[in-house]
Amino acid sequence: MAVEVKYVVVRNGEEKMTFATKKEADAYDKMLDLADSLGEWLQQAPLNLDDEQREGLSFFLAEHKDALGQILRGAAPAEAPKKAAKVKMEKSVATSKEGSASEKQAA
């Protein structure tokens, strides 16, 4: 019988992710804290973002905090973010627009 130690990140009673090392779990938990802070900050923005868009954007910014930091310091980011994240954000924006594609086709 093998014994495995797993570290589970839990938020509001919900399991978010499981890791093999404490260091990875702590890093993910810290990233979630940053995403929460960014989400609260984005609520103050003069933009009309629904909860899902704001959550997606804050999670994206927290995931790519190093590149964001470089951009804010005036430097170009070292590498482009993953396309999957970009596609996910574009889908969120596209689905939130009221009948955008169907209305254009009807016209």
Protein backbone atom coordinates (compact mmCIF):
# COMPACT_ATOMS: atom_id res chain seq x y z
CA MET A 1 0.00 0.00 0.00
CA ALA A 2 1.35 3.41 -0.97
CA VAL A 3 0.76 6.56 1.00
CA GLU A 4 0.41 9.81 -0.93
CA VAL A 5 0.33 13.28 0.51
CA LYS A 6 -1.81 15.76 -1.39
CA TYR A 7 -2.32 19.44 -0.76
CA VAL A 8 -5.79 20.73 -1.57
CA VAL A 9 -6.58 24.40 -2.05
CA VAL A 10 -10.06 25.08 -0.63
CA ARG A 11 -11.98 28.34 -1.10
CA ASN A 12 -15.36 28.96 0.54
CA GLY A 13 -15.72 25.26 1.26
CA GLU A 14 -15.07 24.33 -2.39
CA GLU A 15 -12.01 22.35 -3.51
CA LYS A 16 -10.26 24.36 -6.20
CA MET A 17 -7.15 22.34 -7.00
CA THR A 18 -4.97 19.51 -5.68
CA PHE A 19 -1.16 19.62 -5.67
CA ALA A 20 1.67 17.24 -4.87
CA THR A 21 3.76 19.86 -3.04
CA LYS A 22 2.95 22.50 -0.45
CA LYS A 23 4.93 25.09 -2.44
CA GLU A 24 2.68 24.65 -5.49
CA ALA A 25 -0.47 24.77 -3.37
CA ASP A 26 0.70 27.95 -1.61
CA ALA A 27 1.54 29.60 -4.95
CA TYR A 28 -1.91 28.77 -6.34
CA ASP A 29 -3.60 30.04 -3.18
CA LYS A 30 -1.63 33.28 -3.42
CA MET A 31 -2.66 33.65 -7.07
CA LEU A 32 -6.32 33.18 -6.06
CA ASP A 33 -5.88 35.89 -3.39
CA LEU A 34 -4.50 38.23 -6.05
CA ALA A 35 -7.40 37.39 -8.39
CA ASP A 36 -9.88 38.21 -5.60
CA SER A 37 -8.17 41.54 -4.97
CA LEU A 38 -8.15 42.36 -8.67
CA GLY A 39 -11.82 41.43 -8.94
CA GLU A 40 -12.73 43.83 -6.14
CA TRP A 41 -10.62 46.54 -7.77
CA LEU A 42 -12.24 45.95 -11.18
CA GLN A 43 -15.69 46.53 -9.63
CA GLN A 44 -14.67 50.16 -9.25
CA ALA A 45 -13.79 50.49 -12.95
CA PRO A 46 -16.10 52.56 -15.17
CA LEU A 47 -16.84 49.44 -17.24
CA ASN A 48 -19.94 47.30 -17.43
CA LEU A 49 -18.55 43.83 -16.72
CA ASP A 50 -20.79 41.06 -15.48
CA ASP A 51 -19.53 38.86 -12.65
CA GLU A 52 -18.24 36.11 -14.98
CA GLN A 53 -16.28 38.57 -17.14
CA ARG A 54 -14.79 40.32 -14.12
CA GLU A 55 -13.82 36.99 -12.57
CA GLY A 56 -12.26 35.78 -15.82
CA LEU A 57 -10.32 38.99 -16.31
CA SER A 58 -9.06 39.11 -12.74
CA PHE A 59 -7.99 35.44 -12.91
CA PHE A 60 -6.19 36.09 -16.23
CA LEU A 61 -4.37 39.11 -14.82
CA ALA A 62 -3.37 37.21 -11.67
CA GLU A 63 -2.12 34.25 -13.74
CA HIS A 64 0.02 36.58 -15.84
CA LYS A 65 1.12 38.94 -13.09
CA ASP A 66 4.78 38.88 -14.18
CA ALA A 67 3.97 39.98 -17.73
CA LEU A 68 1.51 42.56 -16.37
CA GLY A 69 4.21 43.93 -14.08
CA GLN A 70 6.60 44.30 -17.01
CA ILE A 71 3.95 46.08 -19.05
CA LEU A 72 3.17 48.47 -16.18
CA ARG A 73 6.89 49.26 -15.86
CA GLY A 74 6.92 50.22 -19.55
CA ALA A 75 8.65 47.12 -20.91
CA ALA A 76 7.29 44.63 -23.42
CA PRO A 77 6.27 41.29 -21.89
CA ALA A 78 8.81 38.48 -22.26
CA GLU A 79 6.31 36.04 -23.78
CA ALA A 80 2.77 36.19 -25.06
CA PRO A 81 0.03 34.66 -22.89
CA LYS A 82 -1.37 31.30 -23.88
CA LYS A 83 -3.84 31.37 -26.75
CA ALA A 84 -6.30 29.22 -24.80
CA ALA A 85 -6.70 31.94 -22.19
CA LYS A 86 -7.18 34.54 -24.92
CA VAL A 87 -9.80 32.43 -26.67
CA LYS A 88 -11.65 31.88 -23.38
CA MET A 89 -11.75 35.62 -22.71
CA GLU A 90 -12.94 36.35 -26.26
CA LYS A 91 -15.72 33.79 -25.89
CA SER A 92 -16.86 35.42 -22.64
CA VAL A 93 -17.01 38.84 -24.29
CA ALA A 94 -18.73 37.47 -27.40
CA THR A 95 -21.42 35.62 -25.46
CA SER A 96 -22.20 38.65 -23.34
CA LYS A 97 -23.07 40.84 -26.33
CA GLU A 98 -26.77 40.74 -27.06
CA GLY A 99 -27.43 38.75 -30.23
CA SER A 100 -24.36 40.12 -32.00
CA ALA A 101 -23.82 37.44 -34.66
CA SER A 102 -27.46 36.52 -35.26
CA GLU A 103 -28.53 40.14 -35.66
CA LYS A 104 -25.76 40.86 -38.18
CA GLN A 105 -26.73 37.82 -40.26
CA ALA A 106 -30.41 38.83 -40.26
CA ALA A 107 -29.56 42.31 -41.54
